[in-house]
């Protein structure tokens, strides 16, 4: 740490700084050289000469102060007295700065201020925070100390060179007036002014030499980057590296020990080494983890404290303070997640919830909760923060999905298809030998008829001519029903008929219509369209066998020539 004193004079401020920056080892080497009788090298000899120059400058300023005080007693003008007093005060300040620099070099960098009793100060939290962060700032300052010193010395050298140019210019002007014939009073003032500026030139020249000497010394002390890196690495390994290694070893030891104790606990209580506590004893499990984390943090802080590494201890305290501040926002969320883990939240295990329109059963509530639909392929893993936004309810005998692979469906657009695969993302259906993929969420919103479920119904209408009106209510329905059953038996679908209804429906415009409705078992879903055709085939076959006339649509055409007789035209439906 270097010492500098700021005075009212710019000329001597840099001089004080340069002498304050003299390294302590120069003084130590000087004493060692004198004790051993060895020769003093050039830098030390230059430092000794500078000390003599400082003492000589102090004596000159003391003499100047005595002369000014004598002149002060002779003056009567208050303004002249005030100006002379200010000048005396300025010289005294310069003398104090030089004396402090002299003592600092001789004492080897020991500051006399450490012997001064400091008054008790009131605690200020801002000052305390500044003290805590001081090790970090000191480390950064130490890393950039030498480049900043070299840059400061370069700027000081440039400043002194500029000052010397200005002083030389002022002295040339003073010499110009000194050669002129002047009144005795003016000549005396110019002579005094010439003495002052020559003294300033001497002081600036001395400060320039000291700055150049310091810059040369720092450059000569420079080492290669390989040496610097090696030294820094060695210091890190023996210092902070060892501290971090000890902290890591102790943390791992605590974690392994705690894990072994938890395993013993599971074996004694549940007869298993696995963490059944997630579902059986979540309070024990998460309390153990919290206690382990706190123990590890305290152990790390203790290691840093015992090792005396203020920088790492400061960084650890700052990290803990940041974590504590972040808890102000995250603590409510953590509390809600703990309620979920303890089974008292809005979502509970083995209950039913709906996510994106798809029903799921809550299989596991944990750090990552598991949702599953028994009728769909795949599972959903959600973090606790996402689960906390949902709500589950007890489930009964409710279907998880309207179909399963292999079922035959009648889609909302009238398409007939078979389910090939159904996952939590898509439902794949074969429609006319073409694979169609529908998002599961959209599939559930459609009006889909599962023909393979509890069965399906077929409705059909058939009509006969009005000339069979006499038997339309008695004989015709029974004959049609027997014919339909016989037809389905021939097709191998007789066992799939759960119910059949043939009734007279209405007397149409050109026919006597019958309503035919069959309820078939889900096994016959594959023959959905075939069953409709079998009904029509059975009805036509009965008409052919019984000689019943199947009517056709009558269209009356009016001609301009023949008005009274309608023309019967056979038209296609």
Protein backbone atom coordinates (compact mmCIF):
# COMPACT_ATOMS: atom_id res chain seq x y z
CA UNK A 1 0.00 0.00 0.00
CA UNK A 2 1.43 3.36 -1.00
CA UNK A 3 1.01 6.66 0.73
CA UNK A 4 0.58 10.18 -0.73
CA UNK A 5 -0.20 13.58 0.74
CA UNK A 6 -2.00 16.27 -1.17
CA UNK A 7 -0.73 19.85 -0.61
CA UNK A 8 -1.75 23.21 -1.98
CA UNK A 9 1.22 23.35 -4.33
CA UNK A 10 1.12 21.37 -7.57
CA UNK A 11 4.90 21.55 -7.82
CA UNK A 12 5.50 19.57 -4.65
CA UNK A 13 2.44 17.29 -4.71
CA UNK A 14 4.01 14.96 -7.28
CA UNK A 15 7.28 15.01 -5.39
CA UNK A 16 5.50 13.78 -2.27
CA UNK A 17 3.70 11.06 -4.28
CA UNK A 18 6.89 9.79 -5.86
CA UNK A 19 8.74 9.50 -2.58
CA UNK A 20 5.72 7.87 -0.99
CA UNK A 21 5.69 5.25 -3.76
CA UNK A 22 9.27 4.22 -3.08
CA UNK A 23 9.17 0.48 -2.27
CA UNK A 24 10.06 -0.67 1.15
CA UNK A 25 12.67 -3.09 -0.10
CA UNK A 26 14.96 -0.20 -1.14
CA UNK A 27 15.22 0.91 2.45
CA UNK A 28 15.73 -2.66 3.68
CA UNK A 29 18.43 -3.32 1.11
CA UNK A 30 20.20 -0.09 2.05
CA UNK A 31 20.38 -1.12 5.71
CA UNK A 32 21.44 -4.66 4.81
CA UNK A 33 24.15 -3.32 2.53
CA UNK A 34 25.50 -1.01 5.23
CA UNK A 35 25.53 -3.83 7.80
CA UNK A 36 27.31 -6.21 5.49
CA UNK A 37 29.66 -3.62 4.08
CA UNK A 38 28.61 -4.32 0.52
CA UNK A 39 28.56 -1.79 -2.24
CA UNK A 40 25.36 0.20 -2.76
CA UNK A 41 23.93 -0.14 -6.25
CA UNK A 42 22.97 2.78 -8.43
CA UNK A 43 19.21 2.93 -7.57
CA UNK A 44 19.94 2.92 -3.85
CA UNK A 45 22.62 5.56 -4.26
CA UNK A 46 20.13 7.67 -6.20
CA UNK A 47 17.55 7.24 -3.41
CA UNK A 48 20.13 8.37 -0.81
CA UNK A 49 20.94 11.42 -2.90
CA UNK A 50 17.24 12.21 -3.18
CA UNK A 51 16.89 12.06 0.60
CA UNK A 52 19.73 14.57 0.91
CA UNK A 53 18.07 16.77 -1.71
CA UNK A 54 14.77 16.66 0.20
CA UNK A 55 16.50 17.68 3.44
CA UNK A 56 18.32 20.50 1.66
CA UNK A 57 15.04 21.73 0.19
CA UNK A 58 13.44 21.67 3.62
CA UNK A 59 16.29 23.78 5.06
CA UNK A 60 15.99 26.28 2.23
CA UNK A 61 12.26 26.63 2.81
CA UNK A 62 12.82 27.08 6.53
CA UNK A 63 15.27 29.89 5.77
CA UNK A 64 12.76 31.41 3.36
CA UNK A 65 10.06 31.30 6.03
CA UNK A 66 12.33 33.08 8.51
CA UNK A 67 13.09 35.81 5.98
CA UNK A 68 9.41 36.25 5.14
CA UNK A 69 8.52 36.53 8.82
CA UNK A 70 11.11 39.31 9.20
CA UNK A 71 9.60 41.11 6.23
CA UNK A 72 6.12 40.62 7.71
CA UNK A 73 7.08 42.56 10.84
CA UNK A 74 8.18 45.55 8.76
CA UNK A 75 5.01 45.75 6.63
CA UNK A 76 2.12 48.02 7.62
CA UNK A 77 -0.28 47.57 4.70
CA UNK A 78 -2.92 44.92 5.64
CA UNK A 79 -3.22 43.63 2.08
CA UNK A 80 0.54 43.13 1.80
CA UNK A 81 0.55 41.35 5.17
CA UNK A 82 -2.24 39.01 4.10
CA UNK A 83 -0.47 38.12 0.87
CA UNK A 84 2.80 37.46 2.72
CA UNK A 85 1.00 35.31 5.31
CA UNK A 86 -0.55 33.19 2.58
CA UNK A 87 2.84 32.72 1.01
CA UNK A 88 4.32 31.64 4.35
CA UNK A 89 1.45 29.16 4.86
CA UNK A 90 2.00 27.69 1.41
CA UNK A 91 5.71 27.14 2.07
CA UNK A 92 4.94 25.53 5.44
CA UNK A 93 2.56 23.08 3.79
CA UNK A 94 5.24 22.19 1.28
CA UNK A 95 7.69 21.65 4.14
CA UNK A 96 5.21 19.30 5.88
CA UNK A 97 4.78 17.28 2.72
CA UNK A 98 8.54 16.95 2.22
CA UNK A 99 9.06 16.00 5.86
CA UNK A 100 6.38 13.27 5.66
CA UNK A 101 7.95 11.90 2.47
CA UNK A 102 11.38 11.85 4.12
CA UNK A 103 10.04 9.98 7.17
CA UNK A 104 8.08 7.56 5.02
CA UNK A 105 11.20 6.51 3.08
CA UNK A 106 13.40 6.28 6.17
CA UNK A 107 10.79 4.29 8.14
CA UNK A 108 10.40 1.79 5.33
CA UNK A 109 6.75 2.54 4.56
CA UNK A 110 5.51 2.44 8.20
CA UNK A 111 2.88 5.18 8.64
CA UNK A 112 3.10 7.10 11.95
CA UNK A 113 -0.70 7.47 11.89
CA UNK A 114 -1.10 3.90 13.23
CA UNK A 115 0.06 5.15 16.65
CA UNK A 116 -2.68 7.77 16.78
CA UNK A 117 -5.77 6.89 18.86
CA UNK A 118 -8.86 7.02 16.70
CA UNK A 119 -12.12 8.27 18.24
CA UNK A 120 -14.98 5.76 18.44
CA UNK A 121 -17.23 6.14 15.41
CA UNK A 122 -20.94 5.46 15.17
CA UNK A 123 -21.85 2.37 13.11
CA UNK A 124 -23.28 3.16 9.69
CA UNK A 125 -24.69 0.32 7.60
CA UNK A 126 -23.46 1.92 4.37
CA UNK A 127 -19.94 2.07 5.75
CA UNK A 128 -20.22 -1.55 6.85
CA UNK A 129 -21.32 -2.62 3.37
CA UNK A 130 -18.38 -0.70 1.95
CA UNK A 131 -16.03 -2.49 4.32
CA UNK A 132 -17.47 -5.86 3.33
CA UNK A 133 -16.98 -5.14 -0.36
CA UNK A 134 -13.52 -3.69 0.17
CA UNK A 135 -11.67 -7.05 -0.30
CA UNK A 136 -13.15 -7.41 -3.78
CA UNK A 137 -12.22 -3.87 -4.69
CA UNK A 138 -8.77 -4.32 -3.20
CA UNK A 139 -8.21 -7.43 -5.30
CA UNK A 140 -9.23 -5.58 -8.46
CA UNK A 141 -7.07 -2.64 -7.46
CA UNK A 142 -4.12 -4.94 -6.82
CA UNK A 143 -4.48 -6.59 -10.22
CA UNK A 144 -4.33 -3.20 -11.97
CA UNK A 145 -1.92 -1.47 -9.57
CA UNK A 146 1.26 -1.65 -11.64
CA UNK A 147 -0.29 -0.63 -15.01
CA UNK A 148 -2.01 2.28 -13.30
CA UNK A 149 1.21 3.39 -11.61
CA UNK A 150 3.15 3.24 -14.86
CA UNK A 151 0.44 5.23 -16.65
CA UNK A 152 0.34 7.79 -13.81
CA UNK A 153 4.12 8.19 -13.93
CA UNK A 154 4.06 8.72 -17.68
CA UNK A 155 1.42 11.41 -17.35
CA UNK A 156 3.36 13.05 -14.52
CA UNK A 157 6.53 13.08 -16.62
CA UNK A 158 4.67 14.70 -19.48
CA UNK A 159 3.19 17.27 -17.08
CA UNK A 160 6.62 18.12 -15.58
CA UNK A 161 8.13 18.47 -19.02
CA UNK A 162 5.37 20.89 -20.00
CA UNK A 163 5.88 22.81 -16.73
CA UNK A 164 9.61 23.08 -17.35
CA UNK A 165 8.94 24.52 -20.81
CA UNK A 166 6.61 27.14 -19.31
CA UNK A 167 9.11 27.92 -16.52
CA UNK A 168 11.96 28.36 -19.04
CA UNK A 169 9.75 30.69 -21.05
CA UNK A 170 8.95 32.70 -17.90
CA UNK A 171 12.63 32.87 -16.93
CA UNK A 172 13.57 34.11 -20.41
CA UNK A 173 11.03 36.88 -20.01
CA UNK A 174 12.34 37.75 -16.54
CA UNK A 175 15.96 37.85 -17.83
CA UNK A 176 14.81 40.15 -20.61
CA UNK A 177 13.45 42.67 -18.11
CA UNK A 178 16.43 42.19 -15.78
CA UNK A 179 18.78 43.49 -18.47
CA UNK A 180 16.80 46.69 -18.82
CA UNK A 181 17.61 49.82 -16.76
CA UNK A 182 14.91 49.92 -14.06
CA UNK A 183 14.22 51.79 -10.88
CA UNK A 184 15.78 50.22 -7.77
CA UNK A 185 12.37 49.19 -6.40
CA UNK A 186 11.38 47.43 -9.66
CA UNK A 187 14.83 45.87 -10.01
CA UNK A 188 14.57 44.40 -6.49
CA UNK A 189 11.10 42.92 -7.23
CA UNK A 190 12.32 41.38 -10.50
CA UNK A 191 15.33 39.91 -8.74
CA UNK A 192 13.10 38.34 -6.08
CA UNK A 193 10.76 37.00 -8.77
CA UNK A 194 13.74 35.55 -10.63
CA UNK A 195 14.85 33.72 -7.47
CA UNK A 196 11.34 32.24 -6.96
CA UNK A 197 11.05 30.93 -10.53
CA UNK A 198 14.54 29.49 -10.48
CA UNK A 199 13.54 27.62 -7.31
CA UNK A 200 10.41 26.38 -9.09
CA UNK A 201 12.50 25.18 -12.01
CA UNK A 202 14.76 23.31 -9.62
CA UNK A 203 11.79 21.69 -7.87
CA UNK A 204 10.13 20.70 -11.16
CA UNK A 205 13.41 19.31 -12.48
CA UNK A 206 13.85 17.28 -9.30
CA UNK A 207 10.27 15.95 -9.54
CA UNK A 208 10.87 15.02 -13.20
CA UNK A 209 14.04 13.12 -12.31
CA UNK A 210 12.28 11.28 -9.49
CA UNK A 211 9.38 10.30 -11.76
CA UNK A 212 11.80 9.08 -14.43
CA UNK A 213 13.74 7.15 -11.81
CA UNK A 214 10.56 5.50 -10.48
CA UNK A 215 9.38 4.58 -14.00
CA UNK A 216 12.75 3.06 -14.86
CA UNK A 217 12.77 1.09 -11.60
CA UNK A 218 9.29 -0.34 -12.22
CA UNK A 219 10.23 -1.34 -15.76
CA UNK A 220 13.40 -3.05 -14.55
CA UNK A 221 11.38 -4.97 -11.97
CA UNK A 222 9.12 -6.43 -14.67
CA UNK A 223 9.14 -10.20 -15.14
CA UNK A 224 8.08 -12.42 -18.02
CA UNK A 225 4.46 -13.48 -18.33
CA UNK A 226 5.44 -17.13 -17.82
CA UNK A 227 6.94 -16.27 -14.46
CA UNK A 228 3.94 -14.15 -13.51
CA UNK A 229 1.46 -16.87 -14.45
CA UNK A 230 3.48 -19.51 -12.64
CA UNK A 231 3.74 -17.38 -9.53
CA UNK A 232 0.03 -16.56 -9.61
CA UNK A 233 -0.84 -20.24 -10.07
CA UNK A 234 1.41 -21.27 -7.20
CA UNK A 235 -0.06 -18.62 -4.92
CA UNK A 236 -3.59 -19.73 -5.88
CA UNK A 237 -2.85 -23.40 -5.20
CA UNK A 238 -1.32 -22.68 -1.82
CA UNK A 239 -3.96 -20.09 -0.92
CA UNK A 240 -7.49 -19.89 -2.26
CA UNK A 241 -7.17 -23.10 -4.25
CA UNK A 242 -6.43 -25.08 -1.11
CA UNK A 243 -9.29 -23.35 0.69
CA UNK A 244 -11.74 -24.25 -2.08
CA UNK A 245 -10.47 -27.83 -2.16
CA UNK A 246 -10.99 -28.21 1.59
CA UNK A 247 -14.50 -26.74 1.31
CA UNK A 248 -15.39 -29.12 -1.54
CA UNK A 249 -14.05 -32.17 0.30
CA UNK A 250 -15.99 -31.32 3.46
CA UNK A 251 -19.19 -30.64 1.45
CA UNK A 252 -18.94 -33.97 -0.37
CA UNK A 253 -18.24 -35.77 2.92
CA UNK A 254 -21.33 -34.23 4.54
CA UNK A 255 -23.49 -35.10 1.52
CA UNK A 256 -22.29 -38.73 1.39
CA UNK A 257 -22.73 -39.15 5.15
CA UNK A 258 -26.25 -37.71 5.05
CA UNK A 259 -27.17 -39.95 2.11
CA UNK A 260 -25.92 -43.03 3.95
CA UNK A 261 -27.95 -42.06 7.02
CA UNK A 262 -31.05 -41.63 4.87
CA UNK A 263 -30.50 -45.05 3.29
CA UNK A 264 -30.27 -46.59 6.74
CA UNK A 265 -33.50 -44.79 7.68
CA UNK A 266 -35.34 -46.21 4.63
CA UNK A 267 -34.08 -49.70 5.37
CA UNK A 268 -35.11 -49.59 9.01
CA UNK A 269 -38.53 -48.06 8.38
CA UNK A 270 -39.62 -49.31 4.94
CA UNK A 271 -37.24 -52.25 4.46
CA UNK A 272 -35.94 -50.77 1.21
CA UNK A 273 -32.90 -48.68 0.23
CA UNK A 274 -34.89 -46.64 -2.26
CA UNK A 275 -36.39 -43.22 -1.68
CA UNK A 276 -39.97 -44.23 -1.03
CA UNK A 277 -40.32 -40.99 0.91
CA UNK A 278 -41.42 -39.18 -2.23
CA UNK A 279 -44.82 -40.82 -1.88
CA UNK A 280 -44.72 -42.32 1.61
CA UNK A 281 -42.87 -39.72 3.69
CA UNK A 282 -42.34 -36.51 1.69
CA UNK A 283 -41.94 -34.37 4.81
CA UNK A 284 -39.02 -36.50 6.01
CA UNK A 285 -37.36 -36.57 2.60
CA UNK A 286 -37.50 -32.85 1.87
CA UNK A 287 -36.67 -31.90 5.45
CA UNK A 288 -33.57 -34.08 5.15
CA UNK A 289 -32.56 -32.37 1.93
CA UNK A 290 -33.08 -28.90 3.41
CA UNK A 291 -31.08 -29.79 6.54
CA UNK A 292 -28.27 -31.23 4.38
CA UNK A 293 -28.10 -28.08 2.25
CA UNK A 294 -27.98 -25.81 5.33
CA UNK A 295 -25.26 -27.95 6.92
CA UNK A 296 -23.13 -27.83 3.77
CA UNK A 297 -23.47 -24.03 3.54
CA UNK A 298 -22.51 -23.56 7.18
CA UNK A 299 -19.53 -25.90 6.74
CA UNK A 300 -18.29 -23.94 3.74
CA UNK A 301 -18.59 -20.65 5.64
CA UNK A 302 -16.72 -22.16 8.59
CA UNK A 303 -13.88 -23.32 6.34
CA UNK A 304 -13.56 -19.88 4.78
CA UNK A 305 -13.61 -18.25 8.21
CA UNK A 306 -10.98 -20.56 9.71
CA UNK A 307 -8.75 -20.20 6.64
CA UNK A 308 -9.10 -16.42 6.89
CA UNK A 309 -9.89 -15.91 3.21
CA UNK A 310 -11.79 -12.63 3.41
CA UNK A 311 -12.43 -12.43 -0.34
CA UNK A 312 -14.10 -15.85 -0.63
CA UNK A 313 -15.99 -15.27 2.60
CA UNK A 314 -17.26 -11.95 1.25
CA UNK A 315 -18.36 -13.54 -2.01
CA UNK A 316 -20.15 -16.31 -0.11
CA UNK A 317 -21.97 -13.81 2.09
CA UNK A 318 -23.02 -11.78 -0.96
CA UNK A 319 -24.30 -14.95 -2.65
CA UNK A 320 -26.31 -15.88 0.45
CA UNK A 321 -27.69 -12.36 0.70
CA UNK A 322 -28.77 -12.53 -2.94
CA UNK A 323 -30.43 -15.90 -2.35
CA UNK A 324 -32.25 -14.50 0.70
CA UNK A 325 -33.52 -11.51 -1.29
CA UNK A 326 -34.73 -13.77 -4.09
CA UNK A 327 -36.77 -15.77 -1.55
CA UNK A 328 -39.05 -12.76 -1.12
CA UNK A 329 -40.48 -13.45 -4.56
CA UNK A 330 -40.06 -17.21 -4.77
CA UNK A 331 -41.11 -18.16 -1.22
CA UNK A 332 -44.89 -18.09 -1.97
CA UNK A 333 -44.32 -20.36 -4.98
CA UNK A 334 -42.18 -22.73 -2.93
CA UNK A 335 -44.86 -22.83 -0.22
CA UNK A 336 -47.49 -23.79 -2.82
CA UNK A 337 -45.20 -26.50 -4.21
CA UNK A 338 -44.62 -27.89 -0.72
CA UNK A 339 -48.39 -28.16 -0.28
CA UNK A 340 -48.47 -30.24 -3.46
CA UNK A 341 -45.67 -32.48 -2.23
CA UNK A 342 -47.42 -33.04 1.11
CA UNK A 343 -50.68 -33.99 -0.63
CA UNK A 344 -52.74 -31.00 0.51
CA UNK A 345 -52.61 -28.96 -2.70
CA UNK A 346 -55.08 -28.61 -5.58
CA UNK A 347 -53.61 -31.68 -7.32
CA UNK A 348 -53.33 -35.08 -5.62
CA UNK A 349 -52.08 -38.46 -6.70
CA UNK A 350 -54.46 -41.03 -8.23
CA UNK A 351 -56.98 -38.32 -9.12
CA UNK A 352 -58.23 -37.10 -12.47
CA UNK A 353 -57.41 -33.79 -14.13
CA UNK A 354 -57.83 -32.31 -17.59
CA UNK A 355 -54.80 -30.88 -19.42
CA UNK A 356 -55.34 -29.28 -22.85
CA UNK A 357 -58.73 -30.94 -23.09
CA UNK A 358 -57.32 -34.46 -22.47
CA UNK A 359 -58.11 -36.31 -19.21
CA UNK A 360 -55.17 -37.66 -17.22
CA UNK A 361 -54.66 -39.51 -14.00
CA UNK A 362 -52.04 -38.12 -11.62
CA UNK A 363 -49.60 -40.98 -11.27
CA UNK A 364 -46.92 -39.15 -9.24
CA UNK A 365 -46.52 -35.71 -7.66
CA UNK A 366 -42.87 -34.78 -7.27
CA UNK A 367 -40.24 -32.40 -8.54
CA UNK A 368 -41.43 -33.57 -11.96
CA UNK A 369 -45.00 -34.89 -11.76
CA UNK A 370 -46.11 -37.75 -14.01
CA UNK A 371 -49.52 -37.71 -15.77
CA UNK A 372 -50.82 -40.70 -17.69
CA UNK A 373 -53.94 -41.58 -19.67
CA UNK A 374 -54.54 -45.34 -19.51
CA UNK A 375 -56.06 -45.36 -23.00
CA UNK A 376 -53.26 -43.37 -24.68
CA UNK A 377 -49.60 -44.02 -25.37
CA UNK A 378 -47.02 -41.83 -23.63
CA UNK A 379 -46.80 -39.86 -20.40
CA UNK A 380 -46.57 -36.17 -19.51
CA UNK A 381 -43.88 -34.89 -17.11
CA UNK A 382 -44.61 -31.45 -15.66
CA UNK A 383 -42.68 -29.35 -13.10
CA UNK A 384 -44.37 -28.43 -9.86
CA UNK A 385 -44.97 -24.83 -10.90
CA UNK A 386 -47.09 -26.05 -13.83
CA UNK A 387 -48.97 -28.61 -11.74
CA UNK A 388 -49.83 -25.94 -9.17
CA UNK A 389 -51.99 -24.17 -11.77
CA UNK A 390 -54.21 -27.26 -12.30
CA UNK A 391 -56.96 -28.88 -10.23
CA UNK A 392 -57.69 -32.58 -9.87
CA UNK A 393 -60.76 -34.44 -8.61
CA UNK A 394 -61.59 -37.99 -7.56
CA UNK A 395 -62.38 -40.23 -10.50
CA UNK A 396 -65.07 -42.88 -10.81
CA UNK A 397 -66.07 -45.27 -13.59
CA UNK A 398 -65.44 -42.67 -16.27
CA UNK A 399 -64.08 -43.40 -19.72
CA UNK A 400 -60.56 -42.09 -20.36
CA UNK A 401 -61.02 -41.96 -24.15
CA UNK A 402 -63.92 -42.58 -26.55
CA UNK A 403 -62.13 -45.38 -28.44
CA UNK A 404 -59.16 -47.72 -28.51
CA UNK A 405 -56.94 -49.15 -31.25
CA UNK A 406 -58.93 -51.47 -33.51
CA UNK A 407 -62.27 -49.72 -33.04
CA UNK A 408 -64.32 -48.64 -36.06
CA UNK A 409 -65.46 -45.03 -36.04
CA UNK A 410 -67.93 -42.89 -37.90
CA UNK A 411 -66.36 -39.43 -38.06
CA UNK A 412 -68.19 -36.13 -38.04
CA UNK A 413 -67.72 -35.67 -41.79
CA UNK A 414 -69.33 -39.07 -42.47
CA UNK A 415 -66.07 -40.92 -43.05
CA UNK A 416 -65.76 -44.49 -41.83
CA UNK A 417 -62.41 -45.58 -40.43
CA UNK A 418 -60.53 -47.84 -38.06
CA UNK A 419 -58.31 -46.63 -35.23
CA UNK A 420 -54.69 -47.67 -35.78
CA UNK A 421 -52.94 -45.85 -32.94
CA UNK A 422 -53.75 -43.24 -30.31
CA UNK A 423 -51.24 -41.25 -28.27
CA UNK A 424 -51.38 -38.15 -26.09
CA UNK A 425 -50.53 -36.13 -29.21
CA UNK A 426 -52.29 -37.74 -32.22
CA UNK A 427 -54.95 -40.28 -33.17
CA UNK A 428 -54.10 -42.24 -36.33
CA UNK A 429 -57.09 -43.59 -38.32
CA UNK A 430 -57.26 -45.69 -41.50
CA UNK A 431 -59.91 -44.16 -43.80
CA UNK A 432 -60.34 -45.93 -47.14
CA UNK A 433 -56.84 -47.44 -46.88
CA UNK A 434 -55.39 -44.01 -46.11
CA UNK A 435 -53.75 -43.07 -42.81
CA UNK A 436 -55.25 -39.91 -41.33
CA UNK A 437 -53.70 -38.22 -38.28
CA UNK A 438 -55.84 -36.01 -36.07
CA UNK A 439 -54.49 -34.11 -33.03
CA UNK A 440 -55.87 -35.73 -29.90
CA UNK A 441 -57.20 -32.44 -28.59
CA UNK A 442 -59.13 -31.81 -31.83
CA UNK A 443 -60.30 -35.42 -31.99
CA UNK A 444 -62.07 -35.08 -28.65
CA UNK A 445 -63.94 -31.98 -29.82
CA UNK A 446 -65.43 -33.79 -32.81
CA UNK A 447 -68.74 -35.67 -32.82
CA UNK A 448 -67.24 -39.14 -33.29
CA UNK A 449 -69.40 -42.31 -33.18
CA UNK A 450 -67.59 -45.38 -31.93
CA UNK A 451 -69.35 -48.28 -33.73
CA UNK A 452 -67.27 -50.89 -31.89
CA UNK A 453 -68.34 -49.79 -28.45
CA UNK A 454 -71.77 -50.83 -27.17
CA UNK A 455 -73.10 -51.48 -30.68
CA UNK A 456 -74.72 -49.35 -33.35
CA UNK A 457 -78.01 -48.99 -35.18
CA UNK A 458 -78.98 -49.08 -38.86
CA UNK A 459 -82.08 -47.25 -40.08
CA UNK A 460 -83.55 -47.92 -43.50
CA UNK A 461 -86.79 -47.18 -45.37
CA UNK A 462 -88.48 -49.44 -47.94
CA UNK A 463 -91.77 -49.04 -49.83
CA UNK A 464 -94.24 -51.22 -51.77
CA UNK A 465 -97.01 -50.37 -54.18
CA UNK A 466 -100.53 -49.28 -53.10
CA UNK A 467 -102.07 -52.34 -54.71
CA UNK A 468 -100.85 -54.35 -51.68
CA UNK A 469 -102.69 -52.11 -49.28
CA UNK A 470 -104.78 -54.98 -47.90
CA UNK A 471 -101.81 -56.84 -46.49
CA UNK A 472 -99.57 -53.87 -45.68
CA UNK A 473 -100.25 -53.95 -41.92
CA UNK A 474 -100.48 -57.69 -41.24
CA UNK A 475 -98.35 -59.82 -43.48
CA UNK A 476 -95.74 -57.51 -44.94
CA UNK A 477 -93.81 -56.50 -41.74
CA UNK A 478 -93.38 -60.05 -40.55
CA UNK A 479 -92.26 -61.35 -43.93
CA UNK A 480 -89.72 -58.53 -44.28
CA UNK A 481 -88.34 -59.18 -40.78
CA UNK A 482 -87.92 -62.91 -41.43
CA UNK A 483 -86.22 -62.19 -44.75
CA UNK A 484 -83.75 -59.74 -43.11
CA UNK A 485 -82.83 -62.22 -40.37
CA UNK A 486 -82.32 -64.97 -42.94
CA UNK A 487 -80.15 -62.70 -45.06
CA UNK A 488 -77.94 -61.77 -42.06
CA UNK A 489 -77.67 -65.43 -41.14
CA UNK A 490 -76.36 -66.23 -44.58
CA UNK A 491 -73.79 -63.44 -44.17
CA UNK A 492 -72.69 -64.78 -40.77
CA UNK A 493 -74.05 -61.78 -38.86
CA UNK A 494 -77.10 -63.38 -37.26
CA UNK A 495 -75.54 -63.45 -33.78
CA UNK A 496 -74.70 -59.77 -34.02
CA UNK A 497 -78.37 -58.69 -34.29
CA UNK A 498 -79.36 -57.45 -30.84
CA UNK A 499 -82.77 -56.13 -31.92
CA UNK A 500 -84.76 -55.59 -35.11
CA UNK A 501 -87.81 -53.47 -35.81
CA UNK A 502 -89.97 -53.45 -39.00
CA UNK A 503 -93.05 -51.21 -38.84
CA UNK A 504 -95.33 -49.44 -41.26
CA UNK A 505 -94.15 -45.88 -41.34
CA UNK A 506 -96.37 -43.85 -43.61
CA UNK A 507 -98.43 -43.81 -46.78
CA UNK A 508 -96.20 -41.96 -49.17
CA UNK A 509 -97.03 -40.17 -52.40
CA UNK A 510 -96.48 -43.28 -54.50
CA UNK A 511 -95.71 -46.07 -52.02
CA UNK A 512 -96.49 -47.63 -48.68
CA UNK A 513 -93.30 -47.01 -46.66
CA UNK A 514 -91.85 -49.22 -43.89
CA UNK A 515 -89.32 -48.17 -41.24
CA UNK A 516 -86.61 -50.80 -40.67
CA UNK A 517 -84.23 -50.37 -37.72
CA UNK A 518 -81.55 -52.86 -36.57
CA UNK A 519 -79.36 -52.72 -33.48
CA UNK A 520 -76.14 -54.65 -34.07
CA UNK A 521 -73.36 -55.68 -31.72
CA UNK A 522 -70.04 -53.78 -31.86
CA UNK A 523 -68.38 -56.88 -33.32
CA UNK A 524 -70.19 -56.16 -36.59
CA UNK A 525 -68.87 -52.60 -36.84
CA UNK A 526 -66.60 -53.63 -39.69
CA UNK A 527 -69.76 -54.52 -41.73
CA UNK A 528 -71.44 -51.15 -41.17
CA UNK A 529 -72.07 -50.41 -44.85
CA UNK A 530 -72.58 -54.09 -45.73
CA UNK A 531 -75.36 -54.41 -43.15
CA UNK A 532 -77.25 -51.57 -44.85
CA UNK A 533 -76.95 -53.32 -48.18
CA UNK A 534 -78.15 -56.63 -46.69
CA UNK A 535 -81.35 -54.98 -45.46
CA UNK A 536 -82.18 -53.68 -48.94
CA UNK A 537 -81.29 -57.00 -50.52
CA UNK A 538 -83.60 -58.89 -48.14
CA UNK A 539 -86.50 -56.53 -48.87
CA UNK A 540 -86.11 -56.78 -52.66
CA UNK A 541 -85.77 -60.56 -52.44
CA UNK A 542 -89.04 -60.75 -50.46
CA UNK A 543 -90.87 -58.62 -53.03
CA UNK A 544 -89.66 -60.86 -55.84
CA UNK A 545 -90.71 -63.99 -54.00
CA UNK A 546 -94.14 -62.69 -52.96
CA UNK A 547 -94.83 -60.86 -56.21
CA UNK A 548 -95.00 -57.45 -54.62
CA UNK A 549 -94.63 -54.45 -56.85
CA UNK A 550 -91.95 -51.93 -55.94
CA UNK A 551 -93.30 -48.52 -56.95
CA UNK A 552 -91.37 -45.90 -58.84
CA UNK A 553 -91.76 -42.15 -58.90
CA UNK A 554 -94.71 -40.84 -61.03
CA UNK A 555 -94.23 -37.63 -62.98
CA UNK A 556 -97.19 -35.94 -64.77
CA UNK A 557 -96.29 -34.15 -67.98
CA UNK A 558 -98.83 -31.71 -69.46
CA UNK A 559 -98.82 -31.41 -73.25
CA UNK A 560 -100.32 -28.49 -75.24
CA UNK A 561 -102.08 -30.90 -77.62
CA UNK A 562 -103.31 -33.53 -75.17
CA UNK A 563 -104.62 -32.04 -72.00
CA UNK A 564 -106.95 -34.64 -70.49
CA UNK A 565 -104.66 -37.73 -70.32
CA UNK A 566 -101.55 -37.60 -68.20
CA UNK A 567 -98.43 -39.28 -69.47
CA UNK A 568 -96.73 -41.72 -67.08
CA UNK A 569 -93.02 -41.47 -67.43
CA UNK A 570 -90.57 -43.75 -65.67
CA UNK A 571 -87.88 -41.64 -64.14
CA UNK A 572 -84.74 -42.53 -62.25
CA UNK A 573 -84.67 -41.50 -58.59
